[in-house]
Amino acid sequence: MPGTENFLTAQDEQVIVAAIQQAEKNTSGEIRVHVENHSEKPPLERAQEVFQHLGMQATAARNGVLFYVGIDDHTFAIVGDEGIDRAVEPDFWDCTKDVVIAHFKEGRFAQGLSEGILRAGDRLKTYFPYADDDKNELPDTISRG
């Protein structure tokens, strides 16, 4: 697999950022995507570490969601903060992960991430609807490790 600079084209990134913005339009939830080449840590542990590093636990409703991709390691994880984790059904993240990975296996990285993001946004909308005084607490851009 290519490095972080080649993993997603500029157009792919625009598609993903648009999916984040669409998903966040109807919810107070915050969604981020982080890609990096390699980590010695297991993907879920590394995703939790990145979640903290990005300050995603600082959202008012504790409803941030991180999509983590380890490019060279062929790893993927989704981490939801405690607010959203308490609200969704126990297998929600696994089912969302399956949707994303099915696309990844076909080399459709942007489509996989976008579908997962929109699925998460739809569920966030159910439990954390958008309020008139809501503000975008975290950037919508893709972060890199």
Protein backbone atom coordinates (compact mmCIF):
# COMPACT_ATOMS: atom_id res chain seq x y z
CA MET A 1 0.00 0.00 0.00
CA PRO A 2 1.22 3.54 -0.62
CA GLY A 3 2.42 5.95 2.06
CA THR A 4 0.15 8.59 3.59
CA GLU A 5 0.97 11.10 0.88
CA ASN A 6 -0.21 8.66 -1.85
CA PHE A 7 -2.95 6.78 0.00
CA LEU A 8 -5.65 9.29 -0.89
CA THR A 9 -5.68 11.63 -3.86
CA ALA A 10 -6.62 15.28 -3.38
CA GLN A 11 -10.01 14.41 -4.87
CA ASP A 12 -10.38 11.47 -2.44
CA GLU A 13 -9.67 13.82 0.45
CA GLN A 14 -12.30 16.26 -0.80
CA VAL A 15 -14.84 13.41 -0.95
CA ILE A 16 -14.01 12.36 2.62
CA VAL A 17 -14.10 15.91 4.02
CA ALA A 18 -17.45 16.44 2.25
CA ALA A 19 -18.74 13.23 3.89
CA ILE A 20 -17.59 14.51 7.30
CA GLN A 21 -19.31 17.85 6.71
CA GLN A 22 -22.50 16.11 5.52
CA ALA A 23 -22.46 13.73 8.49
CA GLU A 24 -21.92 16.58 10.96
CA LYS A 25 -24.61 18.78 9.40
CA ASN A 26 -27.40 17.10 11.41
CA THR A 27 -25.57 16.31 14.64
CA SER A 28 -23.50 17.87 17.38
CA GLY A 29 -21.14 14.87 17.00
CA GLU A 30 -17.62 15.30 15.68
CA ILE A 31 -15.93 12.94 13.20
CA ARG A 32 -12.24 12.81 12.32
CA VAL A 33 -10.11 10.65 10.02
CA HIS A 34 -6.46 9.94 10.82
CA VAL A 35 -4.05 8.11 8.51
CA GLU A 36 -0.49 7.08 9.18
CA ASN A 37 1.97 4.68 7.67
CA HIS A 38 2.89 2.46 10.62
CA SER A 39 2.51 1.93 14.34
CA GLU A 40 4.03 -0.69 16.62
CA LYS A 41 0.82 -0.68 18.66
CA PRO A 42 -2.34 -2.68 17.91
CA PRO A 43 -4.75 -0.58 15.79
CA LEU A 44 -7.42 -0.04 18.45
CA GLU A 45 -4.83 0.97 21.05
CA ARG A 46 -3.15 3.34 18.58
CA ALA A 47 -6.53 4.79 17.54
CA GLN A 48 -7.36 5.50 21.19
CA GLU A 49 -3.98 7.20 21.59
CA VAL A 50 -4.56 9.35 18.47
CA PHE A 51 -8.08 10.15 19.71
CA GLN A 52 -6.57 11.63 22.88
CA HIS A 53 -3.75 13.36 20.99
CA LEU A 54 -6.26 15.10 18.70
CA GLY A 55 -8.23 16.30 21.74
CA MET A 56 -11.36 14.47 20.62
CA GLN A 57 -12.34 13.72 24.23
CA ALA A 58 -12.84 17.46 24.76
CA THR A 59 -16.17 17.71 22.92
CA ALA A 60 -19.01 18.97 25.10
CA ALA A 61 -21.18 15.85 24.69
CA ARG A 62 -18.26 13.37 24.48
CA ASN A 63 -19.54 12.33 21.07
CA GLY A 64 -16.43 12.30 18.88
CA VAL A 65 -15.70 9.46 16.47
CA LEU A 66 -12.27 8.68 15.00
CA PHE A 67 -11.66 6.60 11.87
CA TYR A 68 -8.03 5.38 12.08
CA VAL A 69 -6.13 3.88 9.11
CA GLY A 70 -2.67 2.28 9.36
CA ILE A 71 -1.62 2.19 5.72
CA ASP A 72 1.49 -0.03 5.70
CA ASP A 73 0.07 -2.23 8.46
CA HIS A 74 -3.26 -2.72 6.64
CA THR A 75 -5.09 -1.83 9.85
CA PHE A 76 -8.28 0.06 10.54
CA ALA A 77 -10.14 0.98 13.72
CA ILE A 78 -13.05 3.15 14.78
CA VAL A 79 -13.12 4.76 18.22
CA GLY A 80 -16.18 6.48 19.65
CA ASP A 81 -16.06 8.62 22.77
CA GLU A 82 -17.98 7.55 25.88
CA GLY A 83 -21.10 9.59 25.05
CA ILE A 84 -21.71 7.87 21.72
CA ASP A 85 -20.48 4.47 22.95
CA ARG A 86 -23.16 4.48 25.66
CA ALA A 87 -25.85 5.31 23.08
CA VAL A 88 -25.24 2.96 20.15
CA GLU A 89 -25.92 -0.75 20.07
CA PRO A 90 -22.92 -2.93 21.04
CA ASP A 91 -22.15 -4.14 17.50
CA PHE A 92 -22.57 -0.75 15.78
CA TRP A 93 -18.84 -0.02 15.39
CA ASP A 94 -18.08 -3.57 14.20
CA CYS A 95 -20.84 -3.32 11.58
CA THR A 96 -19.57 0.09 10.46
CA LYS A 97 -16.02 -1.26 10.32
CA ASP A 98 -17.21 -4.16 8.12
CA VAL A 99 -18.73 -1.68 5.63
CA VAL A 100 -15.47 0.26 5.41
CA ILE A 101 -13.23 -2.81 5.15
CA ALA A 102 -15.34 -4.33 2.36
CA HIS A 103 -14.51 -1.25 0.25
CA PHE A 104 -10.86 -1.23 1.36
CA LYS A 105 -10.44 -4.80 0.10
CA GLU A 106 -11.46 -3.54 -3.36
CA GLY A 107 -9.09 -0.55 -3.16
CA ARG A 108 -11.96 1.93 -2.72
CA PHE A 109 -10.51 3.76 0.28
CA ALA A 110 -12.34 7.08 -0.08
CA GLN A 111 -15.67 5.36 -0.72
CA GLY A 112 -15.20 3.06 2.26
CA LEU A 113 -14.32 5.89 4.63
CA SER A 114 -17.14 8.06 3.27
CA GLU A 115 -19.77 5.35 3.74
CA GLY A 116 -18.54 4.63 7.26
CA ILE A 117 -18.54 8.34 8.10
CA LEU A 118 -22.09 8.83 6.79
CA ARG A 119 -23.26 5.75 8.71
CA ALA A 120 -21.70 7.11 11.92
CA GLY A 121 -23.20 10.54 11.24
CA ASP A 122 -26.64 9.06 10.80
CA ARG A 123 -26.40 7.35 14.17
CA LEU A 124 -24.94 10.44 15.83
CA LYS A 125 -27.92 12.41 14.47
CA THR A 126 -30.27 10.02 16.29
CA TYR A 127 -28.63 10.45 19.69
CA PHE A 128 -27.02 13.88 19.35
CA PRO A 129 -29.21 16.00 17.05
CA TYR A 130 -27.93 19.32 15.77
CA ALA A 131 -28.85 22.32 17.91
CA ASP A 132 -29.05 25.94 16.73
CA ASP A 133 -26.17 26.89 19.01
CA ASP A 134 -24.00 23.96 17.88
CA LYS A 135 -20.49 24.75 16.69
CA ASN A 136 -17.92 22.68 14.86
CA GLU A 137 -15.62 21.78 17.75
CA LEU A 138 -12.97 19.90 15.74
CA PRO A 139 -11.50 20.34 12.24
CA ASP A 140 -13.00 18.28 9.40
CA THR A 141 -9.64 17.81 7.68
CA ILE A 142 -7.77 14.51 7.60
CA SER A 143 -4.91 14.30 10.10
CA ARG A 144 -1.70 12.40 9.41
CA GLY A 145 0.75 10.65 11.68
